[in-house]
Amino acid sequence: MTKPKTIDEMNYEEAFQGLEEIITLLEAGDRPLEETLEAYKRGQELFKRCSELLEKAELQVRQLTNDKTETEEEEE
């Protein structure tokens, strides 16, 4: 039996899917308070993971764009 991934091991798609599941659970509003609070905390962690991964991807895109721009300028 495989151990479930920690949030830090999740890729963007996995973290986003987990976040969507928690949003659905919270919107239903039919869970006990303690369970709702735990789900909310996990949702915050998943949101943070998604944000970190998006920032990292954005940085990579900027670097690639800058590299391409610099190469084009050198060729002119």
C-alpha atoms as a PDB file:
ATOM      1  CA  MET A   1       0.000   0.000   0.000  1.00  0.00           C
ATOM      2  CA  THR A   2       1.423   3.376  -0.999  1.00  0.00           C
ATOM      3  CA  LYS A   3       1.649   6.218   1.448  1.00  0.00           C
ATOM      4  CA  PRO A   4      -0.303   9.324   0.377  1.00  0.00           C
ATOM      5  CA  LYS A   5       1.820  12.261  -0.744  1.00  0.00           C
ATOM      6  CA  THR A   6       2.443  15.146   1.567  1.00  0.00           C
ATOM      7  CA  ILE A   7       1.394  18.557   0.322  1.00  0.00           C
ATOM      8  CA  ASP A   8       5.036  19.453  -0.367  1.00  0.00           C
ATOM      9  CA  GLU A   9       5.307  16.415  -2.662  1.00  0.00           C
ATOM     10  CA  MET A  10       2.212  17.292  -4.696  1.00  0.00           C
ATOM     11  CA  ASN A  11       2.391  18.776  -8.147  1.00  0.00           C
ATOM     12  CA  TYR A  12       0.103  21.661  -9.076  1.00  0.00           C
ATOM     13  CA  GLU A  13      -2.685  19.498 -10.474  1.00  0.00           C
ATOM     14  CA  GLU A  14      -2.805  17.276  -7.384  1.00  0.00           C
ATOM     15  CA  ALA A  15      -2.827  20.231  -4.989  1.00  0.00           C
ATOM     16  CA  PHE A  16      -5.485  22.054  -7.020  1.00  0.00           C
ATOM     17  CA  GLN A  17      -7.700  18.963  -7.134  1.00  0.00           C
ATOM     18  CA  GLY A  18      -7.375  18.582  -3.364  1.00  0.00           C
ATOM     19  CA  LEU A  19      -8.274  22.236  -2.936  1.00  0.00           C
ATOM     20  CA  GLU A  20     -11.366  21.831  -5.128  1.00  0.00           C
ATOM     21  CA  GLU A  21     -12.475  18.851  -3.028  1.00  0.00           C
ATOM     22  CA  ILE A  22     -12.116  20.860   0.168  1.00  0.00           C
ATOM     23  CA  ILE A  23     -14.041  23.785  -1.301  1.00  0.00           C
ATOM     24  CA  THR A  24     -16.880  21.426  -2.194  1.00  0.00           C
ATOM     25  CA  LEU A  25     -16.834  19.964   1.318  1.00  0.00           C
ATOM     26  CA  LEU A  26     -16.868  23.413   2.930  1.00  0.00           C
ATOM     27  CA  GLU A  27     -19.625  24.710   0.652  1.00  0.00           C
ATOM     28  CA  ALA A  28     -21.838  21.770   1.630  1.00  0.00           C
ATOM     29  CA  GLY A  29     -21.721  22.986   5.233  1.00  0.00           C
ATOM     30  CA  ASP A  30     -22.824  19.660   6.654  1.00  0.00           C
ATOM     31  CA  ARG A  31     -19.665  18.679   8.560  1.00  0.00           C
ATOM     32  CA  PRO A  32     -18.966  19.042  12.264  1.00  0.00           C
ATOM     33  CA  LEU A  33     -17.066  22.162  13.282  1.00  0.00           C
ATOM     34  CA  GLU A  34     -13.801  20.351  14.085  1.00  0.00           C
ATOM     35  CA  GLU A  35     -13.779  18.585  10.715  1.00  0.00           C
ATOM     36  CA  THR A  36     -14.586  21.848   8.958  1.00  0.00           C
ATOM     37  CA  LEU A  37     -11.680  23.599  10.694  1.00  0.00           C
ATOM     38  CA  GLU A  38      -9.266  20.798   9.757  1.00  0.00           C
ATOM     39  CA  ALA A  39     -10.451  20.932   6.151  1.00  0.00           C
ATOM     40  CA  TYR A  40     -10.036  24.714   6.141  1.00  0.00           C
ATOM     41  CA  LYS A  41      -6.457  24.411   7.452  1.00  0.00           C
ATOM     42  CA  ARG A  42      -5.610  21.833   4.806  1.00  0.00           C
ATOM     43  CA  GLY A  43      -7.194  24.049   2.179  1.00  0.00           C
ATOM     44  CA  GLN A  44      -4.949  26.917   3.243  1.00  0.00           C
ATOM     45  CA  GLU A  45      -1.888  24.656   2.919  1.00  0.00           C
ATOM     46  CA  LEU A  46      -3.006  23.457  -0.512  1.00  0.00           C
ATOM     47  CA  PHE A  47      -3.637  27.042  -1.617  1.00  0.00           C
ATOM     48  CA  LYS A  48      -0.136  27.998  -0.472  1.00  0.00           C
ATOM     49  CA  ARG A  49       1.345  25.051  -2.419  1.00  0.00           C
ATOM     50  CA  CYS A  50      -0.546  26.043  -5.582  1.00  0.00           C
ATOM     51  CA  SER A  51       0.626  29.641  -5.213  1.00  0.00           C
ATOM     52  CA  GLU A  52       4.255  28.583  -4.738  1.00  0.00           C
ATOM     53  CA  LEU A  53       4.156  26.353  -7.804  1.00  0.00           C
ATOM     54  CA  LEU A  54       2.538  29.081  -9.913  1.00  0.00           C
ATOM     55  CA  GLU A  55       5.165  31.602  -8.805  1.00  0.00           C
ATOM     56  CA  LYS A  56       7.915  29.148  -9.700  1.00  0.00           C
ATOM     57  CA  ALA A  57       6.381  28.549 -13.140  1.00  0.00           C
ATOM     58  CA  GLU A  58       5.984  32.286 -13.698  1.00  0.00           C
ATOM     59  CA  LEU A  59       9.655  32.843 -12.843  1.00  0.00           C
ATOM     60  CA  GLN A  60      10.666  30.151 -15.329  1.00  0.00           C
ATOM     61  CA  VAL A  61       8.544  31.766 -18.050  1.00  0.00           C
ATOM     62  CA  ARG A  62      10.098  35.169 -17.302  1.00  0.00           C
ATOM     63  CA  GLN A  63      13.582  33.693 -17.462  1.00  0.00           C
ATOM     64  CA  LEU A  64      12.831  31.955 -20.747  1.00  0.00           C
ATOM     65  CA  THR A  65      11.307  35.130 -22.165  1.00  0.00           C
ATOM     66  CA  ASN A  66      14.310  37.188 -21.063  1.00  0.00           C
ATOM     67  CA  ASP A  67      16.716  34.629 -22.527  1.00  0.00           C
ATOM     68  CA  LYS A  68      14.843  34.702 -25.822  1.00  0.00           C
ATOM     69  CA  THR A  69      14.758  38.513 -25.879  1.00  0.00           C
ATOM     70  CA  GLU A  70      18.476  38.748 -25.102  1.00  0.00           C
ATOM     71  CA  THR A  71      19.286  36.231 -27.843  1.00  0.00           C
ATOM     72  CA  GLU A  72      17.199  38.155 -30.371  1.00  0.00           C
ATOM     73  CA  GLU A  73      18.889  41.425 -29.413  1.00  0.00           C
ATOM     74  CA  GLU A  74      22.333  39.858 -29.817  1.00  0.00           C
ATOM     75  CA  GLU A  75      21.405  38.608 -33.299  1.00  0.00           C
ATOM     76  CA  GLU A  76      20.394  42.104 -34.478  1.00  0.00           C
END
